[in-house]
């Protein structure tokens, strides 16, 4: 004799209810206590994903820092370029004046 003891996923064994002298079998829903996130077990796949996410975040932070460093260097170089342009303009002006003086003396 074979007895099938399958239990549906969402229900546990029925509980007895007495209603006006009658006994009724009513399935009650399976109630699991809620899991806290700190108690959540991690499988190896989840742990690998979390490690990969942490690695990507670290790499992102490193690249951002490098970007900020390069941007600061670019701004500094731009300031130096402006100074050199001003100096070059001044030197050209001095050369023009010297050339004029030489031309006036030669003439």
N, C-alpha and C. Protein backbone atom coordinates (compact mmCIF):
# COMPACT_ATOMS: atom_id res chain seq x y z
N UNK A 1 0.83 -1.16 0.00
CA UNK A 1 0.00 0.00 0.00
C UNK A 1 0.89 1.25 0.00
N UNK A 2 0.63 2.15 -0.94
CA UNK A 2 1.45 3.34 -1.09
C UNK A 2 0.66 4.57 -0.65
N UNK A 3 1.29 5.40 0.18
CA UNK A 3 0.64 6.62 0.65
C UNK A 3 1.42 7.81 0.09
N UNK A 4 0.70 8.69 -0.59
CA UNK A 4 1.33 9.87 -1.16
C UNK A 4 1.25 11.00 -0.14
N UNK A 5 2.39 11.50 0.31
CA UNK A 5 2.43 12.52 1.35
C UNK A 5 2.98 13.85 0.80
N UNK A 6 2.53 14.25 -0.37
CA UNK A 6 3.02 15.52 -0.91
C UNK A 6 2.28 16.68 -0.26
N UNK A 7 3.00 17.74 0.00
CA UNK A 7 2.43 18.93 0.61
C UNK A 7 2.61 20.07 -0.38
N UNK A 8 1.51 20.77 -0.71
CA UNK A 8 1.66 21.90 -1.63
C UNK A 8 2.66 22.92 -1.06
N UNK A 9 3.33 23.64 -1.97
CA UNK A 9 4.39 24.57 -1.56
C UNK A 9 3.90 25.64 -0.60
N UNK A 10 2.76 26.22 -0.87
CA UNK A 10 2.31 27.37 -0.09
C UNK A 10 1.52 26.98 1.16
N UNK A 11 1.30 25.72 1.36
CA UNK A 11 0.49 25.32 2.51
C UNK A 11 1.20 24.24 3.31
N UNK A 12 0.92 24.24 4.60
CA UNK A 12 1.42 23.18 5.47
C UNK A 12 0.24 22.28 5.80
N UNK A 13 0.48 21.34 6.64
CA UNK A 13 -0.60 20.42 6.98
C UNK A 13 -1.80 21.18 7.53
N UNK A 14 -3.01 20.75 7.20
CA UNK A 14 -4.20 21.47 7.64
C UNK A 14 -4.34 21.46 9.16
N UNK A 15 -4.99 22.46 9.67
CA UNK A 15 -5.27 22.51 11.10
C UNK A 15 -6.77 22.26 11.31
N UNK A 16 -7.08 21.76 12.45
CA UNK A 16 -8.48 21.45 12.76
C UNK A 16 -9.19 22.69 13.29
N UNK A 17 -10.39 22.95 12.76
CA UNK A 17 -11.22 24.05 13.25
C UNK A 17 -12.57 23.47 13.66
N UNK A 18 -13.02 23.86 14.82
CA UNK A 18 -14.35 23.43 15.24
C UNK A 18 -15.30 24.59 15.05
N UNK A 19 -16.33 24.37 14.23
CA UNK A 19 -17.32 25.42 13.97
C UNK A 19 -18.70 24.81 14.18
N UNK A 20 -19.35 25.20 15.25
CA UNK A 20 -20.69 24.73 15.59
C UNK A 20 -20.77 23.20 15.61
N UNK A 21 -19.82 22.61 16.25
CA UNK A 21 -19.86 21.17 16.41
C UNK A 21 -19.27 20.40 15.24
N UNK A 22 -19.00 21.06 14.13
CA UNK A 22 -18.40 20.37 12.98
C UNK A 22 -16.89 20.57 13.01
N UNK A 23 -16.20 19.59 12.56
CA UNK A 23 -14.75 19.70 12.44
C UNK A 23 -14.42 19.91 10.98
N UNK A 24 -13.72 21.01 10.71
CA UNK A 24 -13.33 21.31 9.32
C UNK A 24 -11.80 21.29 9.22
N UNK A 25 -11.35 20.84 8.10
CA UNK A 25 -9.92 20.88 7.83
C UNK A 25 -9.65 22.08 6.92
N UNK A 26 -8.87 23.03 7.40
CA UNK A 26 -8.56 24.23 6.62
C UNK A 26 -7.05 24.34 6.47
N UNK A 27 -6.59 24.46 5.25
CA UNK A 27 -5.14 24.66 5.08
C UNK A 27 -4.76 26.07 5.56
N UNK A 28 -3.64 26.15 6.22
CA UNK A 28 -3.17 27.48 6.64
C UNK A 28 -1.91 27.81 5.84
N UNK A 29 -1.74 29.07 5.50
CA UNK A 29 -0.58 29.44 4.68
C UNK A 29 0.72 29.25 5.45
N UNK A 30 1.73 28.89 4.72
CA UNK A 30 3.05 28.71 5.30
C UNK A 30 3.62 30.09 5.63
N UNK A 31 3.89 30.32 6.88
CA UNK A 31 4.41 31.62 7.29
C UNK A 31 5.83 31.45 7.80
N UNK A 32 6.78 31.98 7.06
CA UNK A 32 8.16 31.93 7.49
C UNK A 32 8.51 33.26 8.13
N UNK A 33 9.31 33.25 9.17
CA UNK A 33 9.71 34.52 9.76
C UNK A 33 10.56 35.30 8.76
N UNK A 34 10.40 36.61 8.73
CA UNK A 34 11.19 37.39 7.77
C UNK A 34 12.67 37.33 8.11
N UNK A 35 13.49 37.23 7.06
CA UNK A 35 14.93 37.18 7.27
C UNK A 35 15.47 38.59 7.31
N UNK A 36 16.37 38.82 8.22
CA UNK A 36 17.06 40.11 8.25
C UNK A 36 18.20 40.06 7.24
N UNK A 37 18.50 41.21 6.67
CA UNK A 37 19.54 41.24 5.65
C UNK A 37 20.89 40.81 6.22
N UNK A 38 21.13 41.11 7.50
CA UNK A 38 22.40 40.72 8.10
C UNK A 38 22.48 39.21 8.30
N UNK A 39 21.33 38.56 8.39
CA UNK A 39 21.32 37.11 8.59
C UNK A 39 21.18 36.35 7.28
N UNK A 40 21.07 37.09 6.18
CA UNK A 40 20.84 36.44 4.89
C UNK A 40 22.08 35.62 4.50
N UNK A 41 21.89 34.35 4.26
CA UNK A 41 23.04 33.55 3.86
C UNK A 41 23.48 33.91 2.44
N UNK A 42 24.77 33.94 2.21
CA UNK A 42 25.28 34.25 0.88
C UNK A 42 25.80 32.97 0.25
N UNK A 43 25.35 32.72 -0.96
CA UNK A 43 25.93 31.59 -1.66
C UNK A 43 27.18 32.09 -2.39
N UNK A 44 27.91 31.18 -2.98
CA UNK A 44 29.18 31.56 -3.60
C UNK A 44 28.97 32.49 -4.79
N UNK A 45 27.86 32.34 -5.51
CA UNK A 45 27.58 33.21 -6.65
C UNK A 45 27.37 34.65 -6.19
N UNK A 46 26.59 34.82 -5.12
CA UNK A 46 26.34 36.16 -4.57
C UNK A 46 27.63 36.77 -4.04
N UNK A 47 28.43 35.97 -3.36
CA UNK A 47 29.69 36.47 -2.82
C UNK A 47 30.62 36.90 -3.95
N UNK A 48 30.65 36.12 -5.04
CA UNK A 48 31.49 36.48 -6.19
C UNK A 48 31.01 37.78 -6.82
N UNK A 49 29.69 37.93 -6.95
CA UNK A 49 29.15 39.17 -7.52
C UNK A 49 29.48 40.37 -6.64
N UNK A 50 29.33 40.21 -5.33
CA UNK A 50 29.65 41.31 -4.41
C UNK A 50 31.13 41.68 -4.48
N UNK A 51 31.99 40.68 -4.60
CA UNK A 51 33.42 40.96 -4.72
C UNK A 51 33.72 41.70 -6.03
N UNK A 52 33.06 41.28 -7.11
CA UNK A 52 33.26 41.94 -8.40
C UNK A 52 32.76 43.39 -8.34
N UNK A 53 31.61 43.60 -7.72
CA UNK A 53 31.06 44.96 -7.58
C UNK A 53 32.02 45.83 -6.78
N UNK A 54 32.56 45.28 -5.68
CA UNK A 54 33.50 46.05 -4.87
C UNK A 54 34.75 46.39 -5.67
N UNK A 55 35.24 45.44 -6.45
CA UNK A 55 36.42 45.68 -7.28
C UNK A 55 36.16 46.77 -8.31
N UNK A 56 34.98 46.73 -8.93
CA UNK A 56 34.63 47.75 -9.93
C UNK A 56 34.49 49.12 -9.28
N UNK A 57 33.92 49.16 -8.09
CA UNK A 57 33.79 50.46 -7.40
C UNK A 57 35.16 51.02 -7.04
N UNK A 58 36.06 50.15 -6.57
CA UNK A 58 37.42 50.60 -6.24
C UNK A 58 38.13 51.13 -7.48
N UNK A 59 37.97 50.40 -8.60
CA UNK A 59 38.59 50.84 -9.85
C UNK A 59 38.00 52.17 -10.30
N UNK A 60 36.69 52.33 -10.15
CA UNK A 60 36.02 53.58 -10.51
C UNK A 60 36.56 54.74 -9.67
N UNK A 61 36.71 54.52 -8.36
CA UNK A 61 37.26 55.56 -7.49
C UNK A 61 38.68 55.94 -7.90
N UNK A 62 39.48 54.92 -8.25
CA UNK A 62 40.86 55.16 -8.67
C UNK A 62 40.89 55.98 -9.96
N UNK A 63 40.03 55.63 -10.92
CA UNK A 63 39.98 56.36 -12.19
C UNK A 63 39.49 57.79 -11.99
N UNK A 64 38.52 57.98 -11.09
CA UNK A 64 38.04 59.34 -10.81
C UNK A 64 39.17 60.18 -10.23
N UNK A 65 39.94 59.60 -9.30
CA UNK A 65 41.04 60.34 -8.70
C UNK A 65 42.08 60.71 -9.76
N UNK A 66 42.37 59.77 -10.66
CA UNK A 66 43.31 60.04 -11.75
C UNK A 66 42.78 61.15 -12.66
N UNK A 67 41.47 61.13 -12.94
CA UNK A 67 40.86 62.15 -13.77
C UNK A 67 41.00 63.53 -13.12
N UNK A 68 40.73 63.61 -11.81
CA UNK A 68 40.85 64.88 -11.11
C UNK A 68 42.30 65.39 -11.14
N UNK A 69 43.26 64.48 -10.97
CA UNK A 69 44.67 64.86 -11.00
C UNK A 69 45.04 65.41 -12.37
N UNK A 70 44.60 64.71 -13.44
CA UNK A 70 44.90 65.17 -14.80
C UNK A 70 44.23 66.51 -15.09
N UNK A 71 43.01 66.69 -14.60
CA UNK A 71 42.31 67.96 -14.83
C UNK A 71 43.04 69.11 -14.13
N UNK A 72 43.52 68.87 -12.90
CA UNK A 72 44.28 69.90 -12.20
C UNK A 72 45.58 70.23 -12.94
N UNK A 73 46.24 69.17 -13.45
CA UNK A 73 47.47 69.38 -14.20
C UNK A 73 47.19 70.18 -15.48
N UNK A 74 46.07 69.87 -16.14
CA UNK A 74 45.71 70.60 -17.36
C UNK A 74 45.46 72.08 -17.05
N UNK A 75 44.77 72.35 -15.97
CA UNK A 75 44.51 73.75 -15.58
C UNK A 75 45.82 74.47 -15.28
N UNK A 76 46.72 73.79 -14.59
CA UNK A 76 48.01 74.38 -14.26
C UNK A 76 48.79 74.67 -15.54
N UNK A 77 48.80 73.72 -16.48
CA UNK A 77 49.51 73.91 -17.75
C UNK A 77 48.88 75.03 -18.56
N UNK A 78 47.57 75.17 -18.51
CA UNK A 78 46.90 76.24 -19.24
C UNK A 78 47.34 77.59 -18.69
N UNK A 79 47.45 77.69 -17.37
CA UNK A 79 47.93 78.93 -16.75
C UNK A 79 49.35 79.25 -17.18
N UNK A 80 50.20 78.23 -17.23
CA UNK A 80 51.59 78.43 -17.67
C UNK A 80 51.63 78.87 -19.13
N UNK A 81 50.76 78.28 -19.94
CA UNK A 81 50.71 78.64 -21.36
C UNK A 81 50.34 80.11 -21.53
N UNK A 82 49.37 80.57 -20.74
CA UNK A 82 48.98 81.99 -20.80
C UNK A 82 50.16 82.89 -20.44
N UNK A 83 50.91 82.51 -19.40
CA UNK A 83 52.07 83.30 -18.99
C UNK A 83 53.10 83.33 -20.12
N UNK A 84 53.35 82.16 -20.74
CA UNK A 84 54.32 82.10 -21.84
C UNK A 84 53.86 82.93 -23.03
N UNK A 85 52.57 82.92 -23.32
CA UNK A 85 52.05 83.74 -24.42
C UNK A 85 52.29 85.22 -24.14
N UNK A 86 52.02 85.63 -22.90
CA UNK A 86 52.25 87.04 -22.54
C UNK A 86 53.73 87.38 -22.67
N UNK A 87 54.59 86.49 -22.19
CA UNK A 87 56.03 86.73 -22.29
C UNK A 87 56.47 86.78 -23.75
N UNK A 88 55.93 85.86 -24.55
CA UNK A 88 56.27 85.84 -25.97
C UNK A 88 55.82 87.11 -26.67
N UNK A 89 54.64 87.59 -26.34
CA UNK A 89 54.15 88.85 -26.91
C UNK A 89 55.05 90.01 -26.53
N UNK A 90 55.48 90.02 -25.30
CA UNK A 90 56.37 91.09 -24.83
C UNK A 90 57.70 91.03 -25.57
N UNK A 91 58.24 89.80 -25.72
CA UNK A 91 59.52 89.64 -26.42
C UNK A 91 59.40 90.06 -27.88
N UNK A 92 58.28 89.74 -28.54
CA UNK A 92 58.09 90.17 -29.93
C UNK A 92 58.04 91.69 -30.01
N UNK A 93 57.36 92.30 -29.05
CA UNK A 93 57.27 93.77 -29.03
C UNK A 93 58.66 94.39 -28.87
N UNK A 94 59.47 93.82 -27.97
CA UNK A 94 60.83 94.32 -27.77
C UNK A 94 61.64 94.15 -29.05
N UNK A 95 61.52 93.00 -29.72
CA UNK A 95 62.24 92.78 -30.98
C UNK A 95 61.81 93.77 -32.05
N UNK A 96 60.52 94.07 -32.15
CA UNK A 96 60.04 95.05 -33.13
C UNK A 96 60.66 96.42 -32.87
N UNK A 97 60.66 96.82 -31.59
CA UNK A 97 61.23 98.12 -31.24
C UNK A 97 62.72 98.17 -31.56
N UNK A 98 63.44 97.07 -31.26
CA UNK A 98 64.87 97.03 -31.55
C UNK A 98 65.11 97.07 -33.06
N UNK A 99 64.25 96.36 -33.82
CA UNK A 99 64.38 96.36 -35.28
C UNK A 99 64.14 97.75 -35.82
N UNK A 100 63.15 98.46 -35.31
CA UNK A 100 62.87 99.83 -35.74
C UNK A 100 64.06 100.75 -35.42
N UNK A 101 64.60 100.59 -34.22
CA UNK A 101 65.75 101.43 -33.84
C UNK A 101 66.93 101.18 -34.77
N UNK A 102 67.17 99.90 -35.09
CA UNK A 102 68.27 99.56 -35.99
C UNK A 102 68.00 100.14 -37.38
N UNK A 103 66.74 100.04 -37.83
CA UNK A 103 66.39 100.57 -39.15
C UNK A 103 66.54 102.09 -39.17
N UNK A 104 66.19 102.76 -38.08
CA UNK A 104 66.31 104.22 -38.02
C UNK A 104 67.78 104.64 -38.01
N UNK A 105 68.60 103.89 -37.29
CA UNK A 105 70.03 104.21 -37.22
C UNK A 105 70.68 103.97 -38.57
N UNK A 106 70.27 102.88 -39.25
CA UNK A 106 70.85 102.54 -40.55
C UNK A 106 70.42 103.53 -41.62
N UNK A 107 69.25 104.09 -41.48
CA UNK A 107 68.73 104.96 -42.53
C UNK A 107 69.32 106.31 -42.53
